[in-house]
């Protein structure tokens, strides 16, 4: 049992360290990302570093994606109760 736990912990540490390295590189190459909200997640076999900025418009998001070499997917979800001011949500997702 302890060998499995040790292996899992080492994997978690390795992936979390790598996600941290990627985040620091992004900050070094794109210091304006410092204003983005970061959502780091680490698992025994992978890690993710999500960056979001709700103040960005679609033009800025497309520009950021191009600068980081990320291809975005767009998904529109209709609101449950649409109004003239709020029809739905535009979800943009990209991974690298």
C-alpha atoms as a PDB file:
ATOM      1  CA  UNK A   1       0.000   0.000   0.000  1.00  0.00           C
ATOM      2  CA  UNK A   2       2.727   2.512   0.872  1.00  0.00           C
ATOM      3  CA  UNK A   3       4.408   2.003  -2.540  1.00  0.00           C
ATOM      4  CA  UNK A   4       1.167   2.970  -4.290  1.00  0.00           C
ATOM      5  CA  UNK A   5       0.691   5.973  -2.024  1.00  0.00           C
ATOM      6  CA  UNK A   6       4.295   7.071  -2.517  1.00  0.00           C
ATOM      7  CA  UNK A   7       3.943   6.757  -6.303  1.00  0.00           C
ATOM      8  CA  UNK A   8       0.691   8.736  -6.260  1.00  0.00           C
ATOM      9  CA  UNK A   9       2.219  11.488  -4.102  1.00  0.00           C
ATOM     10  CA  UNK A  10       5.306  11.734  -6.311  1.00  0.00           C
ATOM     11  CA  UNK A  11       3.086  12.012  -9.389  1.00  0.00           C
ATOM     12  CA  UNK A  12       0.991  14.727  -7.756  1.00  0.00           C
ATOM     13  CA  UNK A  13       4.086  16.712  -6.779  1.00  0.00           C
ATOM     14  CA  UNK A  14       5.606  16.349 -10.232  1.00  0.00           C
ATOM     15  CA  UNK A  15       2.480  17.505 -12.092  1.00  0.00           C
ATOM     16  CA  UNK A  16       1.861  20.388  -9.671  1.00  0.00           C
ATOM     17  CA  UNK A  17       5.487  21.523 -10.047  1.00  0.00           C
ATOM     18  CA  UNK A  18       5.197  21.420 -13.854  1.00  0.00           C
ATOM     19  CA  UNK A  19       1.951  23.439 -13.804  1.00  0.00           C
ATOM     20  CA  UNK A  20       3.735  26.001 -11.630  1.00  0.00           C
ATOM     21  CA  UNK A  21       6.609  26.197 -14.125  1.00  0.00           C
ATOM     22  CA  UNK A  22       4.175  26.771 -16.998  1.00  0.00           C
ATOM     23  CA  UNK A  23       2.378  29.498 -15.024  1.00  0.00           C
ATOM     24  CA  UNK A  24       5.639  31.283 -14.207  1.00  0.00           C
ATOM     25  CA  UNK A  25       6.714  31.111 -17.854  1.00  0.00           C
ATOM     26  CA  UNK A  26       3.384  32.604 -18.943  1.00  0.00           C
ATOM     27  CA  UNK A  27       3.817  35.458 -16.447  1.00  0.00           C
ATOM     28  CA  UNK A  28       7.367  36.092 -17.637  1.00  0.00           C
ATOM     29  CA  UNK A  29       6.397  36.120 -21.327  1.00  0.00           C
ATOM     30  CA  UNK A  30       3.000  37.819 -20.823  1.00  0.00           C
ATOM     31  CA  UNK A  31       3.095  39.927 -17.620  1.00  0.00           C
ATOM     32  CA  UNK A  32      -0.380  41.298 -18.319  1.00  0.00           C
ATOM     33  CA  UNK A  33      -1.744  37.855 -17.395  1.00  0.00           C
ATOM     34  CA  UNK A  34      -1.052  38.718 -13.756  1.00  0.00           C
ATOM     35  CA  UNK A  35      -4.546  40.274 -13.628  1.00  0.00           C
ATOM     36  CA  UNK A  36      -6.205  36.995 -14.656  1.00  0.00           C
ATOM     37  CA  UNK A  37      -7.844  34.737 -12.107  1.00  0.00           C
ATOM     38  CA  UNK A  38      -5.863  31.511 -11.756  1.00  0.00           C
ATOM     39  CA  UNK A  39      -7.425  28.137 -11.050  1.00  0.00           C
ATOM     40  CA  UNK A  40      -4.704  25.541 -10.474  1.00  0.00           C
ATOM     41  CA  UNK A  41      -5.766  21.907 -10.167  1.00  0.00           C
ATOM     42  CA  UNK A  42      -3.504  18.923  -9.640  1.00  0.00           C
ATOM     43  CA  UNK A  43      -4.325  15.232  -9.770  1.00  0.00           C
ATOM     44  CA  UNK A  44      -2.146  12.169  -9.381  1.00  0.00           C
ATOM     45  CA  UNK A  45      -1.595  11.941 -13.148  1.00  0.00           C
ATOM     46  CA  UNK A  46      -2.142  15.471 -14.459  1.00  0.00           C
ATOM     47  CA  UNK A  47      -2.412  19.142 -13.591  1.00  0.00           C
ATOM     48  CA  UNK A  48      -4.229  22.119 -15.056  1.00  0.00           C
ATOM     49  CA  UNK A  49      -3.695  25.832 -14.759  1.00  0.00           C
ATOM     50  CA  UNK A  50      -6.814  27.708 -15.812  1.00  0.00           C
ATOM     51  CA  UNK A  51      -6.726  31.449 -16.410  1.00  0.00           C
ATOM     52  CA  UNK A  52      -9.872  33.538 -16.676  1.00  0.00           C
ATOM     53  CA  UNK A  53     -10.602  37.236 -17.002  1.00  0.00           C
ATOM     54  CA  UNK A  54     -14.271  38.167 -17.109  1.00  0.00           C
ATOM     55  CA  UNK A  55     -13.468  41.730 -18.178  1.00  0.00           C
ATOM     56  CA  UNK A  56     -12.137  40.661 -21.579  1.00  0.00           C
ATOM     57  CA  UNK A  57     -14.269  41.027 -24.680  1.00  0.00           C
ATOM     58  CA  UNK A  58     -14.309  38.476 -27.491  1.00  0.00           C
ATOM     59  CA  UNK A  59     -11.755  40.425 -29.565  1.00  0.00           C
ATOM     60  CA  UNK A  60      -9.268  40.447 -26.679  1.00  0.00           C
ATOM     61  CA  UNK A  61      -9.892  36.768 -25.954  1.00  0.00           C
ATOM     62  CA  UNK A  62      -9.239  35.858 -29.597  1.00  0.00           C
ATOM     63  CA  UNK A  63      -6.056  37.979 -29.538  1.00  0.00           C
ATOM     64  CA  UNK A  64      -4.837  36.263 -26.351  1.00  0.00           C
ATOM     65  CA  UNK A  65      -5.590  32.820 -27.749  1.00  0.00           C
ATOM     66  CA  UNK A  66      -3.627  33.607 -30.912  1.00  0.00           C
ATOM     67  CA  UNK A  67      -0.683  34.964 -28.882  1.00  0.00           C
ATOM     68  CA  UNK A  68      -0.582  31.803 -26.761  1.00  0.00           C
ATOM     69  CA  UNK A  69      -1.113  29.440 -29.701  1.00  0.00           C
ATOM     70  CA  UNK A  70      -4.483  28.233 -28.440  1.00  0.00           C
ATOM     71  CA  UNK A  71      -7.369  27.286 -30.712  1.00  0.00           C
ATOM     72  CA  UNK A  72     -10.681  28.252 -29.130  1.00  0.00           C
ATOM     73  CA  UNK A  73     -13.965  26.445 -29.354  1.00  0.00           C
ATOM     74  CA  UNK A  74     -17.143  28.511 -29.049  1.00  0.00           C
ATOM     75  CA  UNK A  75     -20.371  27.209 -27.562  1.00  0.00           C
ATOM     76  CA  UNK A  76     -23.529  29.262 -27.109  1.00  0.00           C
ATOM     77  CA  UNK A  77     -26.056  28.255 -24.460  1.00  0.00           C
ATOM     78  CA  UNK A  78     -29.514  29.804 -24.531  1.00  0.00           C
ATOM     79  CA  UNK A  79     -30.617  31.253 -21.190  1.00  0.00           C
ATOM     80  CA  UNK A  80     -33.396  29.376 -19.410  1.00  0.00           C
ATOM     81  CA  UNK A  81     -35.480  32.566 -19.370  1.00  0.00           C
ATOM     82  CA  UNK A  82     -34.198  34.866 -22.143  1.00  0.00           C
ATOM     83  CA  UNK A  83     -34.837  38.589 -21.912  1.00  0.00           C
ATOM     84  CA  UNK A  84     -34.126  41.344 -24.453  1.00  0.00           C
ATOM     85  CA  UNK A  85     -30.933  42.172 -22.505  1.00  0.00           C
ATOM     86  CA  UNK A  86     -29.802  38.590 -21.876  1.00  0.00           C
ATOM     87  CA  UNK A  87     -30.328  35.866 -24.438  1.00  0.00           C
ATOM     88  CA  UNK A  88     -27.663  33.379 -23.368  1.00  0.00           C
ATOM     89  CA  UNK A  89     -24.061  32.615 -22.588  1.00  0.00           C
ATOM     90  CA  UNK A  90     -21.103  32.413 -24.959  1.00  0.00           C
ATOM     91  CA  UNK A  91     -18.562  29.896 -23.673  1.00  0.00           C
ATOM     92  CA  UNK A  92     -15.019  29.960 -25.034  1.00  0.00           C
ATOM     93  CA  UNK A  93     -12.610  27.160 -24.252  1.00  0.00           C
ATOM     94  CA  UNK A  94      -9.078  26.465 -25.262  1.00  0.00           C
ATOM     95  CA  UNK A  95      -6.286  24.244 -24.056  1.00  0.00           C
ATOM     96  CA  UNK A  96      -2.610  24.036 -24.695  1.00  0.00           C
END
